[in-house]
Every structure is written in structure tokens, then in C-alpha cells.
Amino acid sequence: MNKIKLLFFATIRDRAGTKSLELDIPDGMTIHGLKEKLASDIPAMKEAMKSVLVTIDREYAFDDMVIPLNAEIGMFPPVSGG
């Protein structure tokens, strides 16, 4: 198992009901898999997982990326503006 720390920001934090969470995930889990797990475990986050921006150790991450051991995952709502 891989112990990660999740950090939630702005409206994602509101939906999660907390600013951070420690979670054990299977080795080799991708960002996409993590999004599916969070949508299932925390129903209020399901809709947000479709457009959430994700970072791994403060670098932007894509759905197919494998989460490294002891990673810090940030989740942000989409940003708009000019």
C-alpha cells in the first residue's frame, strides 16, 4: 500500500468537507483511479472529479500518471479568467 496526503483547495475543499486527508492506496494507482475512488467514497465530490486539476508533489499531473510512494496530491477546481 502507498500512503498519500491529499490537499483540497477552494470549492473542492468545501465538497470534501476537509482541507486534507491521508489515504492508503494500492501501489500503481493512477490519478484517474484516485479520482474514481474519491468520487465513490465521497459522493459530494463526484461531479468535481470530472474537471478537477491535480498536482503530484506540486507539479501538474494527468490522469494516466502513476502516483508515486508517499506523494502529496493537490486538488484544485478549474481556473478561469484572463
N, C-alpha and C. Protein backbone atom coordinates (compact mmCIF):
# COMPACT_ATOMS: atom_id res chain seq x y z
N MET A 1 0.85 -1.20 0.00
CA MET A 1 0.00 0.00 0.00
C MET A 1 0.88 1.25 0.00
N ASN A 2 0.33 2.30 -0.53
CA ASN A 2 1.01 3.57 -0.68
C ASN A 2 0.25 4.61 0.14
N LYS A 3 0.90 5.24 1.11
CA LYS A 3 0.24 6.26 1.93
C LYS A 3 0.48 7.63 1.28
N ILE A 4 -0.61 8.30 0.90
CA ILE A 4 -0.50 9.62 0.27
C ILE A 4 -1.22 10.65 1.12
N LYS A 5 -0.89 11.91 0.88
CA LYS A 5 -1.58 13.02 1.53
C LYS A 5 -2.30 13.81 0.44
N LEU A 6 -3.59 14.00 0.65
CA LEU A 6 -4.41 14.78 -0.27
C LEU A 6 -4.64 16.16 0.34
N LEU A 7 -4.48 17.18 -0.48
CA LEU A 7 -4.76 18.55 -0.08
C LEU A 7 -5.86 19.08 -1.00
N PHE A 8 -6.92 19.62 -0.41
CA PHE A 8 -8.06 20.12 -1.18
C PHE A 8 -8.10 21.64 -1.11
N PHE A 9 -8.41 22.29 -2.22
CA PHE A 9 -8.41 23.75 -2.29
C PHE A 9 -9.74 24.28 -2.82
N ALA A 10 -10.11 25.47 -2.34
CA ALA A 10 -11.28 26.22 -2.79
C ALA A 10 -12.56 25.37 -2.73
N THR A 11 -13.32 25.31 -3.82
CA THR A 11 -14.61 24.60 -3.79
C THR A 11 -14.43 23.09 -3.61
N ILE A 12 -13.27 22.55 -4.00
CA ILE A 12 -13.01 21.12 -3.79
C ILE A 12 -12.93 20.85 -2.29
N ARG A 13 -12.34 21.76 -1.55
CA ARG A 13 -12.26 21.64 -0.09
C ARG A 13 -13.67 21.62 0.51
N ASP A 14 -14.53 22.49 0.02
CA ASP A 14 -15.91 22.54 0.52
C ASP A 14 -16.62 21.21 0.27
N ARG A 15 -16.44 20.65 -0.91
CA ARG A 15 -17.10 19.38 -1.24
C ARG A 15 -16.55 18.22 -0.42
N ALA A 16 -15.24 18.24 -0.18
CA ALA A 16 -14.60 17.17 0.60
C ALA A 16 -14.93 17.28 2.08
N GLY A 17 -15.24 18.49 2.53
CA GLY A 17 -15.54 18.70 3.95
C GLY A 17 -14.31 18.74 4.83
N THR A 18 -13.13 18.84 4.22
CA THR A 18 -11.87 18.89 4.97
C THR A 18 -10.80 19.51 4.08
N LYS A 19 -9.74 20.04 4.69
CA LYS A 19 -8.67 20.63 3.88
C LYS A 19 -7.61 19.60 3.48
N SER A 20 -7.52 18.50 4.23
CA SER A 20 -6.54 17.47 3.88
C SER A 20 -7.01 16.11 4.37
N LEU A 21 -6.37 15.08 3.81
CA LEU A 21 -6.76 13.71 4.12
C LEU A 21 -5.57 12.82 3.83
N GLU A 22 -5.29 11.87 4.71
CA GLU A 22 -4.28 10.87 4.43
C GLU A 22 -5.01 9.60 4.01
N LEU A 23 -4.47 8.95 3.01
CA LEU A 23 -5.17 7.83 2.40
C LEU A 23 -4.18 6.75 2.00
N ASP A 24 -4.53 5.50 2.23
CA ASP A 24 -3.76 4.36 1.73
C ASP A 24 -4.36 3.92 0.42
N ILE A 25 -3.53 3.88 -0.61
CA ILE A 25 -3.99 3.46 -1.94
C ILE A 25 -3.12 2.30 -2.42
N PRO A 26 -3.61 1.51 -3.34
CA PRO A 26 -2.79 0.41 -3.88
C PRO A 26 -1.60 0.95 -4.66
N ASP A 27 -0.48 0.24 -4.61
CA ASP A 27 0.68 0.59 -5.42
C ASP A 27 0.26 0.57 -6.89
N GLY A 28 0.76 1.53 -7.65
CA GLY A 28 0.47 1.57 -9.08
C GLY A 28 -0.82 2.29 -9.44
N MET A 29 -1.54 2.85 -8.46
CA MET A 29 -2.79 3.56 -8.76
C MET A 29 -2.47 4.83 -9.56
N THR A 30 -3.31 5.10 -10.55
CA THR A 30 -3.17 6.32 -11.35
C THR A 30 -4.03 7.44 -10.78
N ILE A 31 -3.81 8.63 -11.31
CA ILE A 31 -4.65 9.78 -10.93
C ILE A 31 -6.10 9.48 -11.27
N HIS A 32 -6.33 8.89 -12.42
CA HIS A 32 -7.71 8.54 -12.81
C HIS A 32 -8.34 7.59 -11.78
N GLY A 33 -7.60 6.59 -11.35
CA GLY A 33 -8.09 5.66 -10.33
C GLY A 33 -8.39 6.36 -9.02
N LEU A 34 -7.54 7.31 -8.65
CA LEU A 34 -7.77 8.07 -7.42
C LEU A 34 -9.05 8.90 -7.53
N LYS A 35 -9.25 9.53 -8.67
CA LYS A 35 -10.48 10.31 -8.88
C LYS A 35 -11.72 9.43 -8.75
N GLU A 36 -11.67 8.25 -9.34
CA GLU A 36 -12.80 7.32 -9.24
C GLU A 36 -13.04 6.90 -7.79
N LYS A 37 -11.96 6.64 -7.06
CA LYS A 37 -12.08 6.25 -5.65
C LYS A 37 -12.71 7.37 -4.83
N LEU A 38 -12.24 8.60 -5.02
CA LEU A 38 -12.79 9.73 -4.26
C LEU A 38 -14.25 9.97 -4.62
N ALA A 39 -14.60 9.85 -5.90
CA ALA A 39 -15.99 10.04 -6.33
C ALA A 39 -16.89 8.99 -5.68
N SER A 40 -16.37 7.78 -5.51
CA SER A 40 -17.15 6.70 -4.89
C SER A 40 -17.22 6.86 -3.37
N ASP A 41 -16.08 7.19 -2.75
CA ASP A 41 -16.02 7.29 -1.28
C ASP A 41 -16.69 8.55 -0.73
N ILE A 42 -16.62 9.65 -1.51
CA ILE A 42 -17.19 10.93 -1.07
C ILE A 42 -18.13 11.42 -2.16
N PRO A 43 -19.39 10.99 -2.14
CA PRO A 43 -20.33 11.32 -3.23
C PRO A 43 -20.41 12.81 -3.57
N ALA A 44 -20.22 13.69 -2.61
CA ALA A 44 -20.29 15.13 -2.88
C ALA A 44 -19.18 15.58 -3.84
N MET A 45 -18.14 14.77 -3.99
CA MET A 45 -17.02 15.13 -4.86
C MET A 45 -17.16 14.57 -6.28
N LYS A 46 -18.15 13.72 -6.50
CA LYS A 46 -18.27 13.02 -7.79
C LYS A 46 -18.26 13.98 -8.98
N GLU A 47 -19.07 14.99 -8.96
CA GLU A 47 -19.16 15.92 -10.08
C GLU A 47 -17.85 16.70 -10.26
N ALA A 48 -17.23 17.08 -9.15
CA ALA A 48 -15.98 17.86 -9.20
C ALA A 48 -14.83 17.06 -9.80
N MET A 49 -14.86 15.75 -9.68
CA MET A 49 -13.76 14.92 -10.18
C MET A 49 -13.66 14.92 -11.70
N LYS A 50 -14.73 15.36 -12.37
CA LYS A 50 -14.72 15.42 -13.84
C LYS A 50 -13.83 16.53 -14.37
N SER A 51 -13.63 17.59 -13.58
CA SER A 51 -12.87 18.74 -14.08
C SER A 51 -11.77 19.22 -13.13
N VAL A 52 -11.50 18.46 -12.08
CA VAL A 52 -10.51 18.87 -11.09
C VAL A 52 -9.10 18.91 -11.70
N LEU A 53 -8.30 19.89 -11.26
CA LEU A 53 -6.89 19.96 -11.63
C LEU A 53 -6.10 19.30 -10.50
N VAL A 54 -5.14 18.47 -10.87
CA VAL A 54 -4.41 17.67 -9.88
C VAL A 54 -2.92 17.94 -9.98
N THR A 55 -2.26 18.00 -8.82
CA THR A 55 -0.80 18.07 -8.77
C THR A 55 -0.27 16.89 -7.98
N ILE A 56 0.93 16.45 -8.35
CA ILE A 56 1.67 15.46 -7.58
C ILE A 56 2.94 16.15 -7.14
N ASP A 57 3.13 16.28 -5.84
CA ASP A 57 4.31 16.95 -5.30
C ASP A 57 4.55 18.30 -5.99
N ARG A 58 3.46 19.05 -6.13
CA ARG A 58 3.45 20.43 -6.64
C ARG A 58 3.74 20.57 -8.13
N GLU A 59 3.61 19.49 -8.87
CA GLU A 59 3.74 19.52 -10.34
C GLU A 59 2.41 19.02 -10.93
N TYR A 60 1.92 19.71 -11.97
CA TYR A 60 0.65 19.27 -12.57
C TYR A 60 0.74 17.82 -13.03
N ALA A 61 -0.36 17.11 -12.85
CA ALA A 61 -0.42 15.68 -13.17
C ALA A 61 -1.60 15.40 -14.09
N PHE A 62 -1.45 14.35 -14.90
CA PHE A 62 -2.51 13.93 -15.82
C PHE A 62 -3.08 12.59 -15.36
N ASP A 63 -4.25 12.26 -15.88
CA ASP A 63 -4.99 11.07 -15.42
C ASP A 63 -4.23 9.77 -15.53
N ASP A 64 -3.35 9.63 -16.51
CA ASP A 64 -2.66 8.36 -16.71
C ASP A 64 -1.38 8.21 -15.87
N MET A 65 -1.03 9.24 -15.10
CA MET A 65 0.19 9.19 -14.28
C MET A 65 0.00 8.29 -13.06
N VAL A 66 1.01 7.47 -12.79
CA VAL A 66 1.00 6.61 -11.60
C VAL A 66 1.45 7.44 -10.41
N ILE A 67 0.74 7.30 -9.31
CA ILE A 67 1.04 8.07 -8.10
C ILE A 67 2.24 7.45 -7.39
N PRO A 68 3.31 8.24 -7.18
CA PRO A 68 4.50 7.70 -6.52
C PRO A 68 4.26 7.49 -5.02
N LEU A 69 5.16 6.74 -4.40
CA LEU A 69 5.07 6.48 -2.96
C LEU A 69 5.12 7.78 -2.17
N ASN A 70 4.30 7.85 -1.14
CA ASN A 70 4.28 8.98 -0.19
C ASN A 70 4.07 10.33 -0.86
N ALA A 71 3.31 10.36 -1.93
CA ALA A 71 3.09 11.60 -2.68
C ALA A 71 2.16 12.55 -1.94
N GLU A 72 2.33 13.82 -2.26
CA GLU A 72 1.39 14.85 -1.82
C GLU A 72 0.58 15.24 -3.05
N ILE A 73 -0.72 15.02 -2.98
CA ILE A 73 -1.62 15.27 -4.11
C ILE A 73 -2.45 16.51 -3.80
N GLY A 74 -2.41 17.49 -4.69
CA GLY A 74 -3.24 18.68 -4.56
C GLY A 74 -4.40 18.60 -5.54
N MET A 75 -5.58 19.04 -5.11
CA MET A 75 -6.75 19.04 -5.98
C MET A 75 -7.36 20.44 -5.97
N PHE A 76 -7.49 20.99 -7.18
CA PHE A 76 -7.95 22.36 -7.37
C PHE A 76 -9.12 22.39 -8.34
N PRO A 77 -10.07 23.31 -8.13
CA PRO A 77 -11.13 23.47 -9.14
C PRO A 77 -10.53 24.11 -10.40
N PRO A 78 -11.19 23.98 -11.54
CA PRO A 78 -10.68 24.61 -12.76
C PRO A 78 -10.58 26.12 -12.56
N VAL A 79 -9.60 26.71 -13.19
CA VAL A 79 -9.36 28.15 -13.08
C VAL A 79 -9.81 28.79 -14.37
N SER A 80 -10.49 29.93 -14.25
CA SER A 80 -10.86 30.67 -15.44
C SER A 80 -10.54 32.13 -15.22
N GLY A 81 -10.58 32.86 -16.26
CA GLY A 81 -10.29 34.30 -16.15
C GLY A 81 -9.24 34.70 -17.14
N GLY A 82 -8.82 35.94 -17.04
CA GLY A 82 -7.88 36.41 -18.05
C GLY A 82 -6.79 37.22 -17.52
